[in-house]
Protein backbone atom coordinates (compact mmCIF):
# COMPACT_ATOMS: atom_id res chain seq x y z
CA MET A 1 171.49 124.53 75.18
CA SER A 2 168.78 121.88 75.24
CA VAL A 3 165.76 122.10 77.53
CA ARG A 4 164.87 118.90 79.37
CA PRO A 5 161.12 118.18 79.08
CA ARG A 6 159.15 117.71 82.29
CA SER A 7 157.58 114.34 83.06
CA ASP A 8 153.82 113.80 82.97
CA SER A 9 153.63 113.64 86.74
CA ALA A 10 155.33 116.99 87.06
CA ARG A 11 152.93 118.58 84.62
CA ARG A 12 149.89 117.12 86.43
CA PRO A 13 148.24 119.49 88.99
CA PHE A 14 147.88 118.37 92.62
CA ASN A 15 144.70 118.37 94.63
CA THR A 16 144.40 119.70 98.18
CA GLN A 17 145.62 116.37 99.67
CA GLY A 18 148.83 116.50 97.67
CA THR A 19 148.05 113.56 95.34
CA PRO A 20 148.04 113.90 91.58
CA SER A 21 144.61 114.50 90.15
CA SER A 22 143.48 112.98 86.92
CA SER A 23 140.52 113.94 84.89
CA SER A 24 140.26 110.29 83.85
CA GLN A 25 139.48 109.05 87.41
CA PRO A 26 135.73 108.52 87.94
CA PRO A 27 134.09 110.29 90.88
CA PRO A 28 133.42 108.12 93.97
CA PRO A 29 129.98 106.53 94.01
CA PRO A 30 127.43 108.11 96.34
CA PRO A 31 126.74 106.21 99.60
CA PRO A 32 123.68 103.97 99.51
CA PRO A 33 120.52 105.26 101.19
CA GLY A 34 120.50 104.75 104.95
CA ALA A 35 124.28 104.17 105.17
CA ALA A 36 126.20 105.83 107.99
CA THR A 37 128.19 108.87 106.95
CA PRO A 38 131.96 108.62 107.47
CA PRO A 39 133.34 110.38 110.54
CA SER A 40 134.40 113.95 110.03
CA GLY A 41 137.30 113.75 112.50
CA LYS A 42 135.40 115.40 115.35
CA LEU A 43 134.36 113.67 118.57
CA SER A 44 130.65 113.27 118.97
CA VAL A 45 129.10 115.26 121.77
CA PRO A 46 127.06 113.10 124.22
CA ALA A 47 123.42 113.89 124.63
CA PRO A 48 122.65 116.19 127.56
CA THR A 49 121.66 114.47 130.81
CA SER A 50 118.01 114.89 131.65
CA LEU A 51 116.95 116.30 135.00
CA THR A 52 115.40 112.98 136.04
CA LYS A 53 118.58 111.07 135.27
CA PHE A 54 120.66 113.64 137.13
CA ILE A 55 118.47 113.29 140.22
CA VAL A 56 118.74 109.49 140.05
CA ILE A 57 122.54 109.67 139.81
CA LEU A 58 122.71 112.09 142.73
CA VAL A 59 120.43 110.03 144.96
CA MET A 60 122.30 106.80 144.17
CA HIS A 61 125.60 108.51 144.95
CA LEU A 62 124.34 109.64 148.36
CA CYS A 63 122.89 106.19 149.11
CA ARG A 64 126.17 104.49 148.28
CA ARG A 65 128.12 106.89 150.44
CA ILE A 66 125.91 105.84 153.35
CA LEU A 67 125.58 102.12 152.66
CA LEU A 68 129.11 101.31 151.52
CA ILE A 69 130.91 102.45 154.64
CA GLU A 70 133.14 99.55 155.73
CA THR A 71 131.20 97.22 158.01
CA LEU A 72 134.00 96.96 160.57
CA THR A 73 134.11 100.76 160.79
CA LYS A 74 130.37 100.86 161.45
CA LEU A 75 130.67 98.19 164.13
CA CYS A 76 133.44 100.09 165.91
CA VAL A 77 131.32 103.26 165.87
CA TYR A 78 128.34 101.37 167.33
CA PHE A 79 130.43 99.97 170.19
CA CYS A 80 131.93 103.39 170.91
CA LEU A 81 128.48 104.99 171.03
CA ILE A 82 127.13 102.24 173.27
CA THR A 83 130.04 102.54 175.69
CA ILE A 84 130.44 106.31 175.88
CA ILE A 85 126.78 107.33 175.85
CA SER A 86 125.75 104.57 178.28
CA VAL A 87 128.42 105.61 180.79
CA VAL A 88 127.12 109.17 180.67
CA THR A 89 123.41 108.35 180.77
CA ASP A 90 123.85 105.84 183.62
CA HIS A 91 124.92 108.78 185.79
CA PHE A 92 123.09 111.64 184.07
CA PRO A 93 119.77 110.45 182.58
CA PHE A 94 118.81 111.98 179.27
CA PRO A 95 115.60 114.09 179.21
CA ARG A 96 112.47 112.17 178.23
CA SER A 97 111.22 112.45 174.67
CA TYR A 98 109.01 110.74 172.11
CA PHE A 99 111.59 107.96 171.69
CA SER A 100 111.74 107.22 175.42
CA ASP A 101 108.19 105.87 175.24
CA LYS A 102 108.21 102.16 174.38
CA GLN A 103 104.75 102.54 172.85
CA ASN A 104 105.86 104.97 170.14
CA PHE A 105 104.82 104.11 166.60
CA ILE A 106 108.29 103.33 165.21
CA ASN A 107 109.13 101.00 168.07
CA GLN A 108 105.82 99.15 167.94
CA TYR A 109 105.50 98.67 164.17
CA PHE A 110 109.09 98.74 162.94
CA VAL A 111 111.66 97.83 165.60
CA LYS A 112 109.69 94.97 167.14
CA LEU A 113 109.26 93.59 163.62
CA GLY A 114 112.75 94.68 162.65
CA TRP A 115 114.09 91.39 161.34
CA GLY A 116 110.89 90.86 159.34
CA TRP A 117 111.28 94.23 157.60
CA THR A 118 115.00 93.69 157.03
CA CYS A 119 114.63 90.11 155.83
CA SER A 120 111.78 90.93 153.42
CA LEU A 121 113.53 93.86 151.75
CA LEU A 122 116.92 92.17 151.65
CA GLY A 123 115.35 88.99 150.30
CA LEU A 124 113.94 90.88 147.32
CA PHE A 125 117.21 92.78 146.88
CA ILE A 126 119.34 89.62 146.98
CA TYR A 127 117.01 87.87 144.54
CA LEU A 128 117.17 90.67 141.96
CA THR A 129 120.92 91.27 142.22
CA SER A 130 121.99 87.62 142.32
CA ASN A 131 119.57 86.74 139.53
CA THR A 132 121.40 89.33 137.42
CA TYR A 133 125.07 88.56 138.09
CA CYS A 134 124.35 84.80 138.13
CA CYS A 135 122.63 85.08 134.71
CA GLY A 136 119.37 83.62 136.01
CA ASN A 137 120.89 80.43 137.44
CA ARG A 138 118.29 79.35 140.01
CA LYS A 139 120.70 77.18 141.97
CA ASP A 140 123.13 80.06 142.48
CA VAL A 141 120.29 82.46 143.36
CA ASN A 142 118.99 80.09 146.02
CA ARG A 143 122.52 79.70 147.36
CA HIS A 144 122.81 83.47 147.86
CA LEU A 145 119.41 83.56 149.58
CA MET A 146 120.70 81.03 152.12
CA ARG A 147 122.62 83.85 153.82
CA LEU A 148 119.29 85.21 155.04
CA ALA A 149 118.39 81.75 156.32
CA PHE A 150 121.49 81.73 158.51
CA GLY A 151 120.77 85.29 159.65
CA THR A 152 117.26 84.22 160.65
CA LEU A 153 118.59 81.16 162.48
CA TRP A 154 121.10 83.28 164.40
CA TRP A 155 118.39 85.80 165.35
CA PHE A 156 116.11 82.97 166.56
CA LEU A 157 118.80 81.21 168.61
CA CYS A 158 119.97 84.41 170.26
CA THR A 159 116.47 85.50 171.29
CA LYS A 160 115.91 82.08 172.89
CA LEU A 161 119.29 82.29 174.63
CA PHE A 162 118.49 85.75 176.00
CA ALA A 163 115.33 84.34 177.59
CA VAL A 164 117.40 81.62 179.28
CA ILE A 165 119.91 84.20 180.52
CA GLN A 166 117.10 86.35 181.89
CA ASN A 167 115.67 83.42 183.84
CA SER A 168 119.03 82.15 185.07
CA PHE A 169 121.04 85.24 185.88
CA GLY A 170 120.11 88.15 188.12
CA ILE A 171 119.99 89.20 191.76
CA CYS A 172 117.45 89.01 194.56
CA VAL A 173 116.85 92.46 196.02
CA THR A 174 117.01 91.43 199.68
CA ASP A 175 119.17 88.30 199.54
CA TYR A 176 121.82 88.02 196.86
CA ASP A 177 122.36 84.30 197.59
CA LEU A 178 118.86 83.25 196.52
CA ASN A 179 118.07 82.04 193.02
CA ARG A 180 115.05 83.28 191.10
CA SER A 181 112.55 80.64 192.26
CA SER A 182 113.58 80.97 195.93
CA CYS A 183 113.58 84.74 195.73
CA GLU A 184 110.08 84.92 194.25
CA ALA A 185 108.81 82.22 196.64
CA SER A 186 109.96 84.28 199.60
CA GLY A 187 108.06 87.30 198.31
CA ASN A 188 111.15 89.25 197.26
CA ARG A 189 111.78 90.93 193.94
CA TRP A 190 114.06 89.28 191.40
CA VAL A 191 115.99 91.63 189.11
CA PRO A 192 117.08 89.62 186.03
CA PHE A 193 120.02 90.32 183.76
CA ASP A 194 117.99 91.51 180.80
CA VAL A 195 120.15 91.40 177.67
CA SER A 196 119.15 94.26 175.39
CA GLY A 197 117.24 92.50 172.63
CA HIS A 198 116.75 95.80 170.79
CA THR A 199 120.49 96.45 170.69
CA PHE A 200 121.14 92.95 169.40
CA LEU A 201 118.37 93.15 166.79
CA LEU A 202 119.29 96.58 165.46
CA VAL A 203 123.03 95.91 165.25
CA HIS A 204 122.34 92.52 163.66
CA CYS A 205 120.11 94.11 161.00
CA LEU A 206 122.61 96.90 160.30
CA LEU A 207 125.54 94.51 159.89
CA VAL A 208 123.64 92.21 157.53
CA ILE A 209 122.43 95.13 155.41
CA SER A 210 125.95 96.54 155.25
CA GLU A 211 127.33 93.25 153.94
CA GLU A 212 124.55 92.46 151.48
CA VAL A 213 124.58 95.82 149.71
CA LYS A 214 128.27 95.50 148.85
CA CYS A 215 127.25 93.95 145.55
CA ILE A 216 126.21 97.40 144.25
CA ASN A 217 129.84 98.53 144.34
CA GLY A 218 130.65 98.74 140.63
CA TRP A 219 127.18 97.63 139.51
CA GLU A 220 127.35 99.81 136.37
CA ARG A 221 130.44 97.86 135.27
CA ILE A 222 128.12 95.01 134.30
CA ASP A 223 127.04 97.07 131.27
CA GLU A 224 130.69 97.60 130.39
CA VAL A 225 131.41 93.87 130.76
CA ILE A 226 128.49 93.02 128.45
CA ARG A 227 129.64 95.39 125.69
CA LYS A 228 133.26 94.28 126.00
CA GLU A 229 132.46 90.58 125.88
CA MET A 230 130.01 90.95 122.99
CA SER A 231 132.64 92.68 120.87
CA SER A 232 135.42 90.25 121.84
CA GLN A 233 136.39 87.36 119.56
CA ALA A 234 137.42 85.28 122.58
CA SER A 235 134.59 85.94 125.02
CA ARG A 236 134.60 84.12 128.36
CA TYR A 237 130.81 83.76 128.21
CA SER A 238 128.42 82.20 125.73
CA GLY A 239 126.21 84.33 123.54
CA ASP A 240 123.06 83.10 125.27
CA ALA A 241 124.47 83.98 128.69
CA LEU A 242 125.38 87.50 127.55
CA ALA A 243 121.95 88.01 125.96
CA GLN A 244 120.21 86.88 129.13
CA LEU A 245 122.51 89.05 131.23
CA ARG A 246 121.65 92.08 129.09
CA THR A 247 117.93 91.44 129.54
CA LEU A 248 118.17 90.87 133.31
CA TYR A 249 120.44 93.87 133.82
CA ASP A 250 118.14 96.24 131.94
CA GLU A 251 115.02 94.93 133.68
CA ASN A 252 116.33 94.67 137.25
CA THR A 253 118.55 97.75 137.57
CA PRO A 254 115.67 100.26 138.07
CA ARG A 255 114.13 97.98 140.71
CA ILE A 256 117.48 97.52 142.43
CA ARG A 257 118.00 101.29 142.55
CA PHE A 258 114.63 101.72 144.23
CA LEU A 259 115.50 99.05 146.80
CA ILE A 260 118.84 100.75 147.45
CA LEU A 261 116.96 103.91 148.36
CA VAL A 262 114.56 101.99 150.65
CA LEU A 263 117.42 100.10 152.34
CA THR A 264 119.25 103.37 152.93
CA LEU A 265 116.23 104.86 154.66
CA LEU A 266 115.76 101.64 156.66
CA SER A 267 119.41 101.71 157.78
CA LEU A 268 119.11 105.32 158.90
CA MET A 269 115.97 104.50 160.86
CA TRP A 270 117.67 101.50 162.53
CA GLU A 271 120.61 103.69 163.52
CA MET A 272 118.27 106.32 164.92
CA MET A 273 116.43 103.70 166.98
CA LEU A 274 119.74 102.22 168.14
CA LEU A 275 120.71 105.64 169.43
CA SER A 276 117.39 105.99 171.27
CA THR A 277 117.91 102.53 172.81
CA ILE A 278 121.37 103.58 173.99
CA LEU A 279 119.98 106.78 175.47
CA TYR A 280 116.92 105.47 177.29
CA PHE A 281 116.92 101.71 177.86
CA HIS A 282 119.03 99.08 179.64
CA ASN A 283 122.42 99.57 181.25
CA LEU A 284 125.87 99.43 179.73
CA ALA A 285 126.50 95.71 180.34
CA GLN A 286 123.13 94.64 178.92
CA LYS A 287 123.63 96.65 175.75
CA LEU A 288 127.22 95.50 175.27
CA VAL A 289 126.22 91.83 175.56
CA GLY A 290 123.49 92.31 172.96
CA ALA A 291 125.88 94.04 170.57
CA CYS A 292 128.52 91.36 171.10
CA PHE A 293 126.12 88.59 170.07
CA ALA A 294 125.27 90.51 166.89
CA ALA A 295 128.96 91.04 166.14
CA LEU A 296 129.68 87.36 166.79
CA GLY A 297 127.08 86.25 164.23
CA TRP A 298 128.52 88.66 161.68
CA PHE A 299 132.08 87.45 162.28
CA ILE A 300 131.16 83.74 162.05
CA SER A 301 129.26 84.19 158.80
CA TYR A 302 130.63 87.05 156.72
CA ARG A 303 134.21 87.13 157.99
CA PHE A 304 134.77 83.41 158.26
CA TRP A 305 132.28 80.86 156.89
CA TYR A 306 131.07 82.61 153.70
CA LYS A 307 134.65 83.22 152.53
CA TRP A 308 135.27 79.51 152.07
CA ARG A 309 133.21 79.57 148.83
CA SER A 310 132.71 75.75 148.87
CA TRP A 311 129.48 74.41 150.47
CA THR A 312 128.66 77.92 151.71
CA PRO A 313 126.30 80.63 150.42
CA GLY A 314 129.31 82.74 149.46
CA LEU A 315 129.53 86.50 149.66
CA ALA A 316 127.29 89.01 147.94
CA GLY A 317 128.39 89.85 144.40
CA HIS A 318 130.15 86.55 143.68
CA GLY A 319 128.60 84.94 140.63
CA VAL A 320 129.05 84.13 136.94
CA ILE A 321 129.89 87.70 135.95
CA LYS A 322 132.99 89.24 137.56
CA TYR A 323 132.26 92.93 137.92
CA MET A 324 133.21 93.92 141.48
CA LYS A 325 136.65 95.46 141.94
CA GLU A 326 137.90 92.70 144.21
CA ASN A 327 136.70 90.05 141.73
CA VAL A 328 138.12 91.55 138.56
């Protein structure tokens, strides 16, 4: 009986990977100095988050929870508070407090200059954010800033209109048929219909802030868009635009986060002063008229005109880079 000889491959030992080993194969060359070592098959563990970064993330989360409440929801809450609380306080006056004094510090140096504070902080915020997502295009940045110009115009026109209403509408204490000039000429007291300018101003500021800060919704996605487009062979943006976007994003994001914190505190203060106005000043009709004018300006601009996109300032967050959820 003959024995069949084994082939060379059968006689060759196998290595741990199951491939035939050969003493004639040269060992692999060592990696050059400074080269990255091949992956070992294990996922890399991210570096631990520092305490400072954790605090920043937590604060930004709280600010967004406050600022990014839907504007229409806020407006409905304001009208409900004005109506319900005013009905109660018109019959049962609220006890006097620090906020019932018109000369208090917040009212004198913040509320009376309310649009100035709001416009200054929002102007810087809009400039930094639009300069980033518009990749430094000055024309687009100026177009976004025009929203504040319309807000200022609406504030100016309404304050002038309120003065006309105050001079034209009211009642004479002793004779309801007399107009203001006849009433005052006869020595009687004229009680004007005094539209609540504070209610208008505070609601106007709160609505504008609520709309303008919407651009921070998904702000961190800009970093993701940059990395994705830089690694793509068919990028929608030029290399120069992406490089400029990376620079602007890295430089402006810390400043924008600080402004988000300041705008959150400003919004809370405006809401607190709105509540004090509802509790202590004007009657229900005067406060409702003021709030209605603020709501009308918001509806004309942010819910109607700005959505046209052409020959308008557009809405916050609309620019060269598409990063917001509704724009992606």
